[in-house]
Amino acid sequence: MTQIYFIRHSIPDLSTKDEMRPLSEEGLKKAFDLIKIFEKLHIDMIFSSPYKRTIQTLEPIAKNKNIDINIVDDFRERKVSDDWVDKFMEYSKKQWKDFMYKLENGESLSEVQFRNIKSLEKILEENKGKTIIIGTHGTALSTIINFYDNTFNFDNFVEIMDIMPYIIKFEFGNNNEYIKRIDDIIE
């Protein structure tokens, strides 16, 4: 069995509207708290989105386990558009209602889901039977959950929106078939 722990990044520094923004001071503290959660678990590999807040969330675990963080560009957060969206909830609700909806130069949830699942399937194929951490983002992770459980919807997305970091475990069988997810490992 292959076990994947998805970790949605810790609390970002919202003083900047840059997508590559780092963690806040509180976010850094919470990232270090993750060491305790994973200290008794054997972890074989760590993968991450290229965004700074996600890498910073995983660095304490990686250093503690003496494991490199492998960057996977396709685990990045969705691109909303070239401009900052002030009415984010309204925009997100439209996207969850229509997985193909997107703003100019942005991504649809369908596109985000496709690139995330493609990368996840590659990792599963190359790492059968291993225990893996993947650092990601709220929307990206939500599309992954939705892929395996199509009842996961906008309301579920909203429920986890403010939980940072958020950890969820997936288990896959020997043929990479999805077995189950275990929610609420940490809040």
Protein backbone atom coordinates (compact mmCIF):
# COMPACT_ATOMS: atom_id res chain seq x y z
CA MET A 1 0.00 0.00 0.00
CA THR A 2 1.16 3.53 -0.82
CA GLN A 3 0.35 6.24 1.70
CA ILE A 4 0.19 9.90 0.71
CA TYR A 5 -0.02 12.66 3.30
CA PHE A 6 -1.17 15.85 1.58
CA ILE A 7 -0.23 18.94 3.55
CA ARG A 8 -1.90 22.18 2.63
CA HIS A 9 0.57 24.95 3.46
CA SER A 10 0.61 26.79 6.77
CA ILE A 11 -0.56 30.39 7.30
CA PRO A 12 0.82 32.70 4.58
CA ASP A 13 1.92 36.29 4.92
CA LEU A 14 -1.10 38.06 3.43
CA SER A 15 0.58 41.46 3.49
CA THR A 16 1.69 40.72 -0.05
CA LYS A 17 -0.56 39.73 -2.93
CA ASP A 18 2.28 37.87 -4.63
CA GLU A 19 1.40 34.21 -5.36
CA MET A 20 4.89 33.19 -4.23
CA ARG A 21 4.36 34.80 -0.81
CA PRO A 22 6.10 33.27 2.23
CA LEU A 23 4.62 32.09 5.50
CA SER A 24 3.75 34.51 8.29
CA GLU A 25 5.53 34.25 11.65
CA GLU A 26 2.59 32.22 12.98
CA GLY A 27 2.70 30.07 9.86
CA LEU A 28 6.39 29.32 10.43
CA LYS A 29 5.68 28.27 14.02
CA LYS A 30 2.89 25.95 12.88
CA ALA A 31 5.22 24.46 10.25
CA PHE A 32 7.67 23.52 13.02
CA ASP A 33 4.79 21.95 14.96
CA LEU A 34 4.43 19.45 12.09
CA ILE A 35 7.67 17.75 13.18
CA LYS A 36 5.87 16.27 16.17
CA ILE A 37 3.03 14.89 14.02
CA PHE A 38 5.41 13.11 11.67
CA GLU A 39 8.24 12.20 14.06
CA LYS A 40 7.12 8.58 14.56
CA LEU A 41 6.24 7.98 10.91
CA HIS A 42 8.68 6.70 8.34
CA ILE A 43 8.58 9.05 5.34
CA ASP A 44 10.25 7.96 2.10
CA MET A 45 9.79 11.02 -0.11
CA ILE A 46 8.61 14.62 0.07
CA PHE A 47 7.19 16.51 -2.90
CA SER A 48 6.08 20.13 -2.99
CA SER A 49 4.52 22.86 -5.02
CA PRO A 50 7.16 25.40 -6.09
CA TYR A 51 5.53 28.15 -4.01
CA LYS A 52 7.57 29.48 -1.10
CA ARG A 53 4.82 29.05 1.53
CA THR A 54 4.48 25.36 0.70
CA ILE A 55 8.21 24.70 0.73
CA GLN A 56 8.56 26.56 4.05
CA THR A 57 5.76 24.40 5.50
CA LEU A 58 7.63 21.21 4.61
CA GLU A 59 11.19 22.31 5.44
CA PRO A 60 11.04 21.47 9.17
CA ILE A 61 9.84 17.92 8.44
CA ALA A 62 12.39 17.48 5.64
CA LYS A 63 15.27 18.66 7.85
CA ASN A 64 14.10 16.50 10.75
CA LYS A 65 13.89 13.41 8.50
CA ASN A 66 16.96 14.36 6.44
CA ILE A 67 14.94 14.10 3.22
CA ASP A 68 15.15 16.38 0.19
CA ILE A 69 12.07 18.23 -1.00
CA ASN A 70 11.32 17.44 -4.64
CA ILE A 71 9.61 20.33 -6.43
CA VAL A 72 6.70 19.45 -8.71
CA ASP A 73 5.48 22.47 -10.65
CA ASP A 74 2.07 20.90 -11.31
CA PHE A 75 1.23 20.90 -7.58
CA ARG A 76 1.11 24.71 -7.64
CA GLU A 77 -2.07 26.56 -6.77
CA ARG A 78 -4.54 27.46 -9.50
CA LYS A 79 -3.88 30.59 -11.47
CA VAL A 80 -6.89 32.83 -10.93
CA SER A 81 -5.96 35.49 -13.53
CA ASP A 82 -3.30 38.11 -14.19
CA ASP A 83 -5.10 40.43 -11.77
CA TRP A 84 -5.86 40.01 -8.06
CA VAL A 85 -9.49 38.94 -7.45
CA ASP A 86 -11.11 40.83 -4.58
CA LYS A 87 -14.38 38.84 -4.57
CA PHE A 88 -12.65 35.50 -4.10
CA MET A 89 -15.59 33.60 -2.58
CA GLU A 90 -17.93 34.64 -5.38
CA TYR A 91 -15.32 33.60 -7.95
CA SER A 92 -14.67 30.27 -6.19
CA LYS A 93 -18.37 29.47 -5.99
CA LYS A 94 -18.67 30.00 -9.77
CA GLN A 95 -15.74 27.66 -10.34
CA TRP A 96 -17.18 24.92 -8.15
CA LYS A 97 -20.53 25.25 -9.91
CA ASP A 98 -18.85 24.98 -13.31
CA PHE A 99 -15.46 23.19 -13.30
CA MET A 100 -14.71 24.73 -16.72
CA TYR A 101 -15.25 28.35 -15.58
CA LYS A 102 -12.18 30.56 -15.55
CA LEU A 103 -11.13 34.17 -15.89
CA GLU A 104 -8.95 35.42 -18.72
CA ASN A 105 -5.43 33.98 -18.36
CA GLY A 106 -6.60 31.86 -15.43
CA GLU A 107 -7.22 28.16 -14.90
CA SER A 108 -10.45 26.25 -14.50
CA LEU A 109 -10.80 23.74 -11.67
CA SER A 110 -10.86 21.05 -14.34
CA GLU A 111 -7.41 22.16 -15.55
CA VAL A 112 -6.05 22.32 -11.99
CA GLN A 113 -7.43 18.88 -11.22
CA PHE A 114 -6.00 17.38 -14.42
CA ARG A 115 -2.43 18.58 -13.82
CA ASN A 116 -2.52 17.61 -10.12
CA ILE A 117 -3.87 14.11 -10.78
CA LYS A 118 -1.39 13.57 -13.64
CA SER A 119 1.52 14.38 -11.29
CA LEU A 120 0.05 12.33 -8.45
CA GLU A 121 -0.38 9.30 -10.73
CA LYS A 122 3.26 9.59 -11.83
CA ILE A 123 4.41 9.69 -8.21
CA LEU A 124 2.24 6.68 -7.37
CA GLU A 125 3.61 4.72 -10.32
CA GLU A 126 7.24 5.48 -9.41
CA ASN A 127 6.90 5.00 -5.63
CA LYS A 128 4.71 1.96 -5.00
CA GLY A 129 4.50 0.93 -1.35
CA LYS A 130 6.14 4.09 -0.03
CA THR A 131 4.97 6.73 2.43
CA ILE A 132 5.03 10.17 0.86
CA ILE A 133 4.28 13.76 1.82
CA ILE A 134 2.99 16.15 -0.83
CA GLY A 135 2.86 19.87 -0.03
CA THR A 136 0.11 21.70 -1.83
CA HIS A 137 -2.59 24.39 -1.67
CA GLY A 138 -6.25 24.64 -0.69
CA THR A 139 -7.78 24.68 -4.15
CA ALA A 140 -5.31 22.22 -5.64
CA LEU A 141 -5.88 19.78 -2.78
CA SER A 142 -9.65 20.23 -3.01
CA THR A 143 -9.61 19.22 -6.68
CA ILE A 144 -7.62 16.11 -5.79
CA ILE A 145 -10.13 15.16 -3.10
CA ASN A 146 -12.97 15.84 -5.56
CA PHE A 147 -11.37 13.54 -8.14
CA TYR A 148 -11.57 10.59 -5.75
CA ASP A 149 -14.81 11.69 -4.04
CA ASN A 150 -17.10 13.70 -6.33
CA THR A 151 -19.35 14.60 -3.38
CA PHE A 152 -16.57 16.96 -2.21
CA ASN A 153 -17.91 20.36 -3.27
CA PHE A 154 -17.76 24.11 -2.66
CA ASP A 155 -19.12 23.77 0.89
CA ASN A 156 -16.36 21.29 1.76
CA PHE A 157 -13.79 23.60 0.18
CA VAL A 158 -15.05 26.44 2.41
CA GLU A 159 -14.87 24.18 5.50
CA ILE A 160 -11.13 23.63 5.07
CA MET A 161 -10.30 27.07 3.66
CA ASP A 162 -9.02 28.52 6.93
CA ILE A 163 -7.33 25.37 8.24
CA MET A 164 -3.62 25.91 7.70
CA PRO A 165 -1.83 23.63 7.71
CA TYR A 166 -4.38 20.98 6.80
CA ILE A 167 -3.32 17.36 6.51
CA ILE A 168 -5.23 14.56 4.85
CA LYS A 169 -4.02 11.01 4.25
CA PHE A 170 -4.82 8.94 1.17
CA GLU A 171 -4.12 5.25 0.81
CA PHE A 172 -3.65 3.52 -2.53
CA GLY A 173 -3.46 -0.22 -3.23
CA ASN A 174 -0.72 -2.10 -5.02
CA ASN A 175 -2.20 -1.25 -8.41
CA ASN A 176 -2.52 2.43 -7.47
CA GLU A 177 -6.24 2.07 -6.92
CA TYR A 178 -7.66 4.53 -4.45
CA ILE A 179 -8.61 2.85 -1.18
CA LYS A 180 -9.56 5.55 1.33
CA ARG A 181 -8.89 8.96 2.75
CA ILE A 182 -8.48 9.81 6.39
CA ASP A 183 -9.60 13.35 7.21
CA ASP A 184 -8.78 15.75 9.97
CA ILE A 185 -5.34 14.58 10.94
CA ILE A 186 -4.65 18.08 12.18
CA GLU A 187 -6.53 21.31 12.51
